[in-house]
Amino acid sequence: MDRSARLLSPVLIVGCIIITVSFAVRASFGVFQIPIADEFGWLRTEFSMAIAIQNLAWGIGQPIFAAIAEKVGDRRAIILGALTYAAGMVLTAWSVTPFAHQMYAWLVGFGIAGTGFGVVLAVVGRASSDRNRSMSLAIVTAAGSVGQVIGAPTAEWMLTFLPWQQVFLVFAAVILTLVLTLPFMRAPAPADRKELEESMGQILTRAFRDPSYTLIFLGFFSCGYQLAFITAHFPAFVTEMCGPIQPGGVLHSMGITTTSALGAVAISLVGLSNIAGTLAAGWAGNHFPKKYLLAGIYTARTVVAAAFILLPITPASVIVFSIVMGSLWLATVPLTSGLVAHLYGLRYMGTLYGIVFLSHQIGGFLGVWLGGRMYDLYGDYTMVWWVGVGVGAFSAIVHLPIREKRAGAAVPA
């Protein structure tokens, strides 16, 4: 199959735009936790459950939208995802009960799936040459970090002059503009002749029987737990647990005068530093075994998270943690998706990665829900934070036995 040797292509550019917008909105939800809970007098668990359901729906929807893309076309799947995403945001803006928020979170989660990694990484992977694939996947993943950089601060800024309901409506309108970019995303041929001889059932059976695929599935759990917990709860965590920002200090002179503002900036810093971390992971994935890189990333996350919670929580430690954790944030995505493509080929990469991503989102569901539940029970996030440290260590271990060797019909990734 003829794939362009160029790294930069219209498919890659449009993929980055879609992921940036989708993740900007998705990364902003933690900023709304306190305003919504305060307006309605809800327990922290109520809003946390909505975000947890959103993460679970994202995970369930990921292989579904990937399969839709592989059957009827990538662009149609993305249009369906954008419409679902916007509908969920609009309906949530009109909701006044926890149950309504939680029900419409299903739509938001499915919408994220339709405009997220499962669909976009698959089409970008197919559009890339073997030499450029790992870096192309890293660039699209890094675009998600760009969204995170702008999403939370934008939401925090808009909340200074708009009620949260109107911010949701603005975000819905922005999501709908994604369909304007799709004429430039012309999907390449799905696979080479050898891969086309395998049906989806055959490739899924082969993957499910492979212990390495099971280990990849299990290992991605902690990534979802840690990322979703931090995205949903870290702004509130910083607002309530961080020491005061000293007048006249560097942060104060930059206009960051409250721990609430610092919480939003922290999420932004995570996304900013992750751009470099993800691109570095993409480069390393072309030169070193992906399983060892993944084990190293999870080990580093475990150490960083444990150190942060053990040391005094100050504005300086929040910034350092955000930068270091950010460099490890989505670095797992190009490596995990690239490993799936390497082992099982490109034809059904979206579906296979989508199934692995379900484990990620089950972890995300538990991270967000436990965060709210533990906060309501104990008044802080300490217990759920230590669970994240434990599952991170688990993921570091389970990646080591993976056999990074292609079997059956596959192409290099």
Protein backbone atom coordinates (compact mmCIF):
# COMPACT_ATOMS: atom_id res chain seq x y z
CA MET A 1 0.00 0.00 0.00
CA ASP A 2 1.28 3.43 -0.95
CA ARG A 3 1.53 5.77 2.02
CA SER A 4 3.08 9.18 1.85
CA ALA A 5 6.55 9.46 3.32
CA ARG A 6 5.79 13.02 4.44
CA LEU A 7 5.23 13.56 8.14
CA LEU A 8 2.97 16.60 7.71
CA SER A 9 -0.25 15.92 5.79
CA PRO A 10 -3.84 17.27 5.67
CA VAL A 11 -5.03 14.18 7.56
CA LEU A 12 -2.54 14.85 10.35
CA ILE A 13 -3.42 18.56 10.54
CA VAL A 14 -7.18 17.96 10.66
CA GLY A 15 -6.71 15.16 13.16
CA CYS A 16 -4.83 17.56 15.42
CA ILE A 17 -7.59 20.18 15.15
CA ILE A 18 -10.31 17.67 16.05
CA ILE A 19 -8.40 16.27 19.02
CA THR A 20 -7.49 19.76 20.27
CA VAL A 21 -11.10 20.96 20.36
CA SER A 22 -12.47 17.71 21.75
CA PHE A 23 -9.91 17.61 24.56
CA ALA A 24 -10.15 21.32 25.35
CA VAL A 25 -13.80 20.88 26.28
CA ARG A 26 -13.26 17.55 27.97
CA ALA A 27 -10.35 18.85 30.10
CA SER A 28 -12.39 21.80 31.40
CA PHE A 29 -14.99 19.81 33.36
CA GLY A 30 -13.02 19.89 36.63
CA VAL A 31 -13.30 23.69 36.62
CA PHE A 32 -17.12 23.42 36.77
CA GLN A 33 -17.20 21.12 39.79
CA ILE A 34 -17.34 23.77 42.51
CA PRO A 35 -19.64 26.27 40.67
CA ILE A 36 -22.22 23.59 39.85
CA ALA A 37 -22.07 21.95 43.29
CA ASP A 38 -22.40 25.34 45.00
CA GLU A 39 -25.34 26.47 42.83
CA PHE A 40 -27.43 23.38 43.53
CA GLY A 41 -26.06 22.41 46.92
CA TRP A 42 -24.93 19.00 45.69
CA LEU A 43 -22.47 16.70 47.38
CA ARG A 44 -19.16 16.37 45.58
CA THR A 45 -20.14 12.78 44.71
CA GLU A 46 -23.04 13.91 42.51
CA PHE A 47 -21.00 15.89 39.98
CA SER A 48 -18.16 13.38 40.24
CA MET A 49 -20.55 10.62 39.22
CA ALA A 50 -21.52 12.57 36.09
CA ILE A 51 -17.87 12.91 35.06
CA ALA A 52 -17.24 9.27 35.98
CA ILE A 53 -20.14 8.16 33.75
CA GLN A 54 -18.78 10.40 31.01
CA ASN A 55 -15.44 8.57 31.22
CA LEU A 56 -17.14 5.17 31.18
CA ALA A 57 -19.30 6.14 28.19
CA TRP A 58 -16.18 7.36 26.42
CA GLY A 59 -14.58 3.97 26.98
CA ILE A 60 -17.63 2.01 25.84
CA GLY A 61 -18.14 4.26 22.84
CA GLN A 62 -14.52 4.13 21.68
CA PRO A 63 -14.56 0.65 20.07
CA ILE A 64 -18.11 1.29 18.82
CA PHE A 65 -17.15 4.49 16.98
CA ALA A 66 -13.92 2.88 15.75
CA ALA A 67 -15.96 0.02 14.27
CA ILE A 68 -18.39 2.52 12.71
CA ALA A 69 -15.44 4.36 11.17
CA GLU A 70 -14.03 1.12 9.77
CA LYS A 71 -17.40 0.15 8.27
CA VAL A 72 -18.91 3.42 6.99
CA GLY A 73 -16.00 5.87 7.00
CA ASP A 74 -13.97 7.98 9.40
CA ARG A 75 -15.60 11.29 8.53
CA ARG A 76 -19.14 9.99 9.07
CA ALA A 77 -18.12 8.61 12.45
CA ILE A 78 -16.62 11.97 13.46
CA ILE A 79 -19.76 13.86 12.35
CA LEU A 80 -21.89 11.54 14.47
CA GLY A 81 -19.52 12.03 17.39
CA ALA A 82 -19.59 15.83 17.12
CA LEU A 83 -23.39 15.92 16.99
CA THR A 84 -23.64 13.63 20.01
CA TYR A 85 -21.03 15.64 21.93
CA ALA A 86 -22.79 18.98 21.27
CA ALA A 87 -26.21 17.54 22.14
CA GLY A 88 -24.88 16.29 25.47
CA MET A 89 -23.42 19.71 26.30
CA VAL A 90 -26.65 21.55 25.42
CA LEU A 91 -28.87 19.18 27.39
CA THR A 92 -26.52 19.33 30.38
CA ALA A 93 -26.70 23.14 30.34
CA TRP A 94 -30.47 22.90 30.88
CA SER A 95 -30.24 20.28 33.63
CA VAL A 96 -30.93 21.07 37.27
CA THR A 97 -30.77 17.63 38.91
CA PRO A 98 -27.85 15.24 39.52
CA PHE A 99 -29.73 12.47 37.68
CA ALA A 100 -30.09 14.61 34.55
CA HIS A 101 -26.42 15.55 34.61
CA GLN A 102 -25.48 11.90 34.95
CA MET A 103 -27.78 10.77 32.13
CA TYR A 104 -26.58 13.41 29.68
CA ALA A 105 -23.00 12.53 30.62
CA TRP A 106 -23.54 9.39 28.51
CA LEU A 107 -24.05 11.57 25.45
CA VAL A 108 -20.99 13.69 26.23
CA GLY A 109 -18.87 10.57 26.74
CA PHE A 110 -20.01 8.97 23.49
CA GLY A 111 -19.36 12.28 21.73
CA ILE A 112 -15.80 12.38 23.05
CA ALA A 113 -15.34 8.83 21.76
CA GLY A 114 -16.52 9.85 18.29
CA THR A 115 -14.11 12.80 18.15
CA GLY A 116 -11.29 11.20 20.12
CA PHE A 117 -8.26 8.99 19.85
CA GLY A 118 -9.91 5.74 18.73
CA VAL A 119 -11.13 7.19 15.44
CA VAL A 120 -8.50 9.86 14.80
CA LEU A 121 -5.39 7.84 15.69
CA ALA A 122 -6.53 5.01 13.43
CA VAL A 123 -6.95 7.22 10.35
CA VAL A 124 -3.70 9.08 11.04
CA GLY A 125 -1.90 5.77 11.52
CA ARG A 126 -3.14 4.53 8.16
CA ALA A 127 -2.14 7.79 6.48
CA SER A 128 1.43 7.62 7.83
CA SER A 129 4.44 5.81 6.48
CA ASP A 130 6.01 3.08 8.59
CA ARG A 131 8.92 5.41 9.38
CA ASN A 132 6.68 8.30 10.52
CA ARG A 133 3.85 6.43 12.22
CA SER A 134 5.08 6.57 15.80
CA MET A 135 5.79 10.31 15.56
CA SER A 136 2.50 11.01 13.76
CA LEU A 137 0.58 9.30 16.56
CA ALA A 138 2.58 11.30 19.09
CA ILE A 139 1.81 14.61 17.34
CA VAL A 140 -1.94 13.93 17.37
CA THR A 141 -1.73 12.87 21.00
CA ALA A 142 0.18 16.05 21.82
CA ALA A 143 -2.65 18.01 20.18
CA GLY A 144 -4.84 16.71 23.00
CA SER A 145 -2.45 18.43 25.38
CA VAL A 146 -2.83 21.67 23.47
CA GLY A 147 -6.55 21.34 24.14
CA GLN A 148 -5.83 20.80 27.80
CA VAL A 149 -3.60 23.87 27.88
CA ILE A 150 -6.38 26.12 26.60
CA GLY A 151 -9.49 24.32 27.89
CA ALA A 152 -9.40 24.75 31.66
CA PRO A 153 -8.14 28.39 31.69
CA THR A 154 -10.65 29.31 28.99
CA ALA A 155 -13.48 27.85 31.04
CA GLU A 156 -12.19 29.59 34.19
CA TRP A 157 -11.99 32.91 32.30
CA MET A 158 -15.48 32.56 30.77
CA LEU A 159 -16.95 31.78 34.19
CA THR A 160 -15.91 35.26 35.32
CA PHE A 161 -18.56 36.85 33.07
CA LEU A 162 -20.90 34.00 32.04
CA PRO A 163 -22.89 31.45 34.05
CA TRP A 164 -21.68 27.89 33.62
CA GLN A 165 -24.76 27.04 31.51
CA GLN A 166 -23.81 29.56 28.83
CA VAL A 167 -20.22 28.34 28.82
CA PHE A 168 -21.54 24.84 28.03
CA LEU A 169 -23.55 26.26 25.12
CA VAL A 170 -20.52 28.08 23.73
CA PHE A 171 -18.49 24.87 23.93
CA ALA A 172 -21.27 22.98 22.11
CA ALA A 173 -21.13 25.49 19.25
CA VAL A 174 -17.34 25.15 19.02
CA ILE A 175 -17.62 21.36 18.84
CA LEU A 176 -20.04 21.60 15.92
CA THR A 177 -17.52 23.62 13.92
CA LEU A 178 -15.35 20.49 13.70
CA VAL A 179 -17.47 19.22 10.81
CA LEU A 180 -16.15 22.11 8.69
CA THR A 181 -12.66 20.57 8.75
CA LEU A 182 -13.69 17.12 7.55
CA PRO A 183 -13.55 17.73 3.77
CA PHE A 184 -9.77 17.95 4.20
CA MET A 185 -9.58 14.59 5.98
CA ARG A 186 -9.59 12.13 3.12
CA ALA A 187 -8.94 8.72 4.59
CA PRO A 188 -6.33 6.57 2.82
CA ALA A 189 -6.83 2.94 1.88
CA PRO A 190 -7.51 1.00 5.08
CA ALA A 191 -4.84 -1.69 4.83
CA ASP A 192 -2.72 -3.78 2.55
CA ARG A 193 -3.96 -6.88 0.72
CA LYS A 194 -2.72 -9.30 3.39
CA GLU A 195 -4.60 -7.50 6.16
CA LEU A 196 -7.79 -7.27 4.12
CA GLU A 197 -7.91 -11.07 4.02
CA GLU A 198 -8.61 -11.09 7.78
CA SER A 199 -12.11 -10.33 9.03
CA MET A 200 -12.78 -8.31 12.15
CA GLY A 201 -13.83 -11.50 13.93
CA GLN A 202 -10.57 -13.23 13.04
CA ILE A 203 -8.34 -10.39 14.18
CA LEU A 204 -10.31 -9.95 17.41
CA THR A 205 -10.08 -13.68 18.15
CA ARG A 206 -6.35 -13.63 17.51
CA ALA A 207 -5.89 -10.64 19.83
CA PHE A 208 -8.09 -12.02 22.61
CA ARG A 209 -6.11 -15.26 22.63
CA ASP A 210 -2.82 -13.40 22.90
CA PRO A 211 -1.67 -12.88 26.54
CA SER A 212 0.19 -9.74 25.44
CA TYR A 213 -3.08 -8.07 24.40
CA THR A 214 -4.55 -8.90 27.81
CA LEU A 215 -1.54 -7.35 29.52
CA ILE A 216 -1.84 -4.19 27.41
CA PHE A 217 -5.54 -4.03 28.36
CA LEU A 218 -4.80 -4.40 32.08
CA GLY A 219 -1.88 -1.99 32.01
CA PHE A 220 -3.89 0.86 30.51
CA PHE A 221 -6.27 0.84 33.51
CA SER A 222 -4.06 2.92 35.79
CA CYS A 223 -3.46 5.53 33.08
CA GLY A 224 -7.19 6.23 32.95
CA TYR A 225 -7.52 6.22 36.73
CA GLN A 226 -4.74 8.74 37.25
CA LEU A 227 -5.59 11.06 34.37
CA ALA A 228 -9.33 11.19 35.03
CA PHE A 229 -8.90 11.71 38.77
CA ILE A 230 -6.44 14.56 38.28
CA THR A 231 -8.45 16.19 35.48
CA ALA A 232 -11.71 16.08 37.46
CA HIS A 233 -10.49 16.75 40.99
CA PHE A 234 -7.12 18.48 40.87
CA PRO A 235 -8.53 22.03 40.47
CA ALA A 236 -10.73 21.51 43.54
CA PHE A 237 -7.87 19.71 45.34
CA VAL A 238 -5.54 22.65 44.79
CA THR A 239 -8.23 25.18 45.70
CA GLU A 240 -8.83 23.55 49.07
CA MET A 241 -5.55 21.87 50.04
CA CYS A 242 -2.80 24.13 48.71
CA GLY A 243 -1.05 26.65 50.92
CA PRO A 244 -1.74 30.35 50.25
CA ILE A 245 -0.22 32.28 47.36
CA GLN A 246 2.05 34.91 48.85
CA PRO A 247 1.39 38.54 47.85
CA GLY A 248 4.28 39.96 45.90
CA GLY A 249 5.48 36.53 44.79
CA VAL A 250 6.07 35.34 41.24
CA LEU A 251 2.63 33.79 40.89
CA HIS A 252 0.93 36.85 42.32
CA SER A 253 2.77 39.10 39.87
CA MET A 254 1.54 36.86 37.02
CA GLY A 255 -2.07 37.45 38.05
CA ILE A 256 -2.51 34.11 39.83
CA THR A 257 -3.79 35.38 43.14
CA THR A 258 -6.07 32.56 44.29
CA THR A 259 -5.69 28.81 44.68
CA SER A 260 -8.74 28.44 42.41
CA ALA A 261 -6.86 30.16 39.59
CA LEU A 262 -3.79 28.06 40.40
CA GLY A 263 -5.89 24.89 40.06
CA ALA A 264 -6.93 25.83 36.53
CA VAL A 265 -3.38 26.83 35.63
CA ALA A 266 -2.10 23.52 37.01
CA ILE A 267 -4.23 21.58 34.52
CA SER A 268 -2.90 23.85 31.81
CA LEU A 269 0.70 23.21 32.86
CA VAL A 270 0.06 19.47 32.76
CA GLY A 271 -1.08 19.80 29.16
CA LEU A 272 1.75 22.13 28.18
CA SER A 273 4.53 19.93 29.51
CA ASN A 274 2.86 16.87 28.04
CA ILE A 275 3.39 18.22 24.53
CA ALA A 276 7.14 17.72 24.92
CA GLY A 277 6.70 14.45 26.81
CA THR A 278 4.42 12.92 24.20
CA LEU A 279 6.62 13.95 21.28
CA ALA A 280 9.61 12.47 23.10
CA ALA A 281 7.66 9.24 23.60
CA GLY A 282 6.85 9.18 19.89
CA TRP A 283 10.52 9.53 19.01
CA ALA A 284 11.55 6.91 21.56
CA GLY A 285 8.92 4.50 20.27
CA ASN A 286 10.78 4.37 16.97
CA HIS A 287 14.07 3.48 18.66
CA PHE A 288 13.34 1.41 21.79
CA PRO A 289 10.94 -1.40 22.82
CA LYS A 290 7.59 0.17 23.60
CA LYS A 291 6.86 -2.13 26.54
CA TYR A 292 9.94 -0.95 28.45
CA LEU A 293 9.13 2.68 27.72
CA LEU A 294 5.60 2.16 29.07
CA ALA A 295 6.89 0.40 32.19
CA GLY A 296 9.28 3.32 32.79
CA ILE A 297 6.53 5.92 32.37
CA TYR A 298 4.24 4.18 34.87
CA THR A 299 7.10 3.79 37.36
CA ALA A 300 7.91 7.49 37.10
CA ARG A 301 4.25 8.42 37.60
CA THR A 302 4.10 6.27 40.72
CA VAL A 303 7.15 7.92 42.27
CA VAL A 304 6.03 11.46 41.39
CA ALA A 305 2.50 10.98 42.77
CA ALA A 306 3.77 9.44 46.01
CA ALA A 307 6.29 12.23 46.55
CA PHE A 308 3.70 14.95 45.92
CA ILE A 309 1.21 13.67 48.50
CA LEU A 310 3.92 13.00 51.11
CA LEU A 311 5.45 16.48 50.89
CA PRO A 312 3.74 19.74 51.97
CA ILE A 313 1.34 20.97 49.28
CA THR A 314 2.43 24.46 48.33
CA PRO A 315 2.03 26.57 45.18
CA ALA A 316 5.59 25.61 44.22
CA SER A 317 4.98 21.88 44.68
CA VAL A 318 1.76 22.12 42.66
CA ILE A 319 3.63 23.69 39.77
CA VAL A 320 6.51 21.18 39.93
CA PHE A 321 4.10 18.24 40.13
CA SER A 322 2.04 19.57 37.21
CA ILE A 323 5.10 19.94 34.99
CA VAL A 324 6.63 16.56 35.85
CA MET A 325 3.37 14.61 35.75
CA GLY A 326 2.47 16.43 32.56
CA SER A 327 5.60 15.18 30.83
CA LEU A 328 4.31 11.64 31.52
CA TRP A 329 0.62 12.42 30.94
CA LEU A 330 -0.36 11.15 27.47
CA ALA A 331 3.05 9.73 26.63
CA THR A 332 1.46 6.29 27.02
CA VAL A 333 -1.01 6.85 24.16
CA PRO A 334 1.27 6.80 21.08
CA LEU A 335 3.21 3.93 22.63
CA THR A 336 0.12 1.87 23.46
CA SER A 337 -1.64 2.54 20.16
CA GLY A 338 1.60 1.98 18.28
CA LEU A 339 2.13 -1.31 20.10
CA VAL A 340 -1.37 -2.47 19.14
CA ALA A 341 -0.75 -1.54 15.50
CA HIS A 342 2.65 -3.24 15.56
CA LEU A 343 1.25 -6.50 16.92
CA TYR A 344 -2.03 -6.75 15.00
CA GLY A 345 -1.81 -4.47 11.96
CA LEU A 346 -3.66 -1.37 10.82
CA ARG A 347 -6.89 -2.73 9.34
CA TYR A 348 -8.75 -2.90 12.67
CA MET A 349 -6.37 -0.82 14.74
CA GLY A 350 -9.17 1.54 15.79
CA THR A 351 -11.35 -1.25 17.16
CA LEU A 352 -8.47 -3.07 18.88
CA TYR A 353 -7.17 0.13 20.44
CA GLY A 354 -10.73 1.10 21.34
CA ILE A 355 -11.15 -2.11 23.35
CA VAL A 356 -7.86 -1.47 25.16
CA PHE A 357 -9.05 2.10 25.76
CA LEU A 358 -12.14 0.73 27.50
CA SER A 359 -9.82 -0.46 30.28
CA HIS A 360 -8.41 3.08 30.43
CA GLN A 361 -11.89 4.51 30.86
CA ILE A 362 -13.00 1.95 33.45
CA GLY A 363 -10.02 3.21 35.41
CA GLY A 364 -11.16 6.76 34.66
CA PHE A 365 -14.65 6.01 35.95
CA LEU A 366 -13.29 4.66 39.22
CA GLY A 367 -10.77 7.49 39.62
CA VAL A 368 -13.40 10.21 39.24
CA TRP A 369 -16.13 8.47 41.23
CA LEU A 370 -13.85 7.37 44.08
CA GLY A 371 -12.45 10.88 44.24
CA GLY A 372 -15.87 12.34 44.94
CA ARG A 373 -16.95 9.48 47.19
CA MET A 374 -13.80 9.53 49.33
CA TYR A 375 -13.98 13.31 49.60
CA ASP A 376 -17.54 13.17 50.92
CA LEU A 377 -16.62 10.41 53.39
CA TYR A 378 -13.28 11.69 54.68
CA GLY A 379 -13.13 15.34 53.65
CA ASP A 380 -10.00 14.95 51.52
CA TYR A 381 -8.52 13.02 48.59
CA THR A 382 -5.66 11.23 50.38
CA MET A 383 -7.02 7.67 50.18
CA VAL A 384 -7.97 7.81 46.50
CA TRP A 385 -4.59 9.37 45.71
CA TRP A 386 -2.78 6.37 47.27
CA VAL A 387 -4.95 3.97 45.28
CA GLY A 388 -3.64 5.74 42.18
CA VAL A 389 -0.08 5.20 43.34
CA GLY A 390 -0.77 1.48 43.77
CA VAL A 391 -2.38 0.92 40.37
CA GLY A 392 0.45 2.86 38.73
CA ALA A 393 2.97 0.40 40.18
CA PHE A 394 0.77 -2.47 38.96
CA SER A 395 0.82 -1.13 35.39
CA ALA A 396 4.60 -0.76 35.44
CA ILE A 397 4.91 -4.45 36.30
CA VAL A 398 2.36 -5.93 33.87
CA HIS A 399 3.98 -4.35 30.80
CA LEU A 400 7.26 -6.21 31.31
CA PRO A 401 6.09 -9.71 30.16
CA ILE A 402 4.54 -8.40 26.90
CA ARG A 403 5.96 -10.15 23.83
CA GLU A 404 6.65 -7.28 21.45
CA LYS A 405 6.73 -9.53 18.42
CA ARG A 406 4.38 -9.35 15.46
CA ALA A 407 2.30 -12.47 14.83
CA GLY A 408 0.11 -13.36 11.88
CA ALA A 409 -0.96 -10.69 9.42
CA ALA A 410 0.41 -7.36 10.44
CA VAL A 411 2.42 -4.46 9.17
CA PRO A 412 5.15 -2.47 10.86
CA ALA A 413 4.06 0.41 13.04
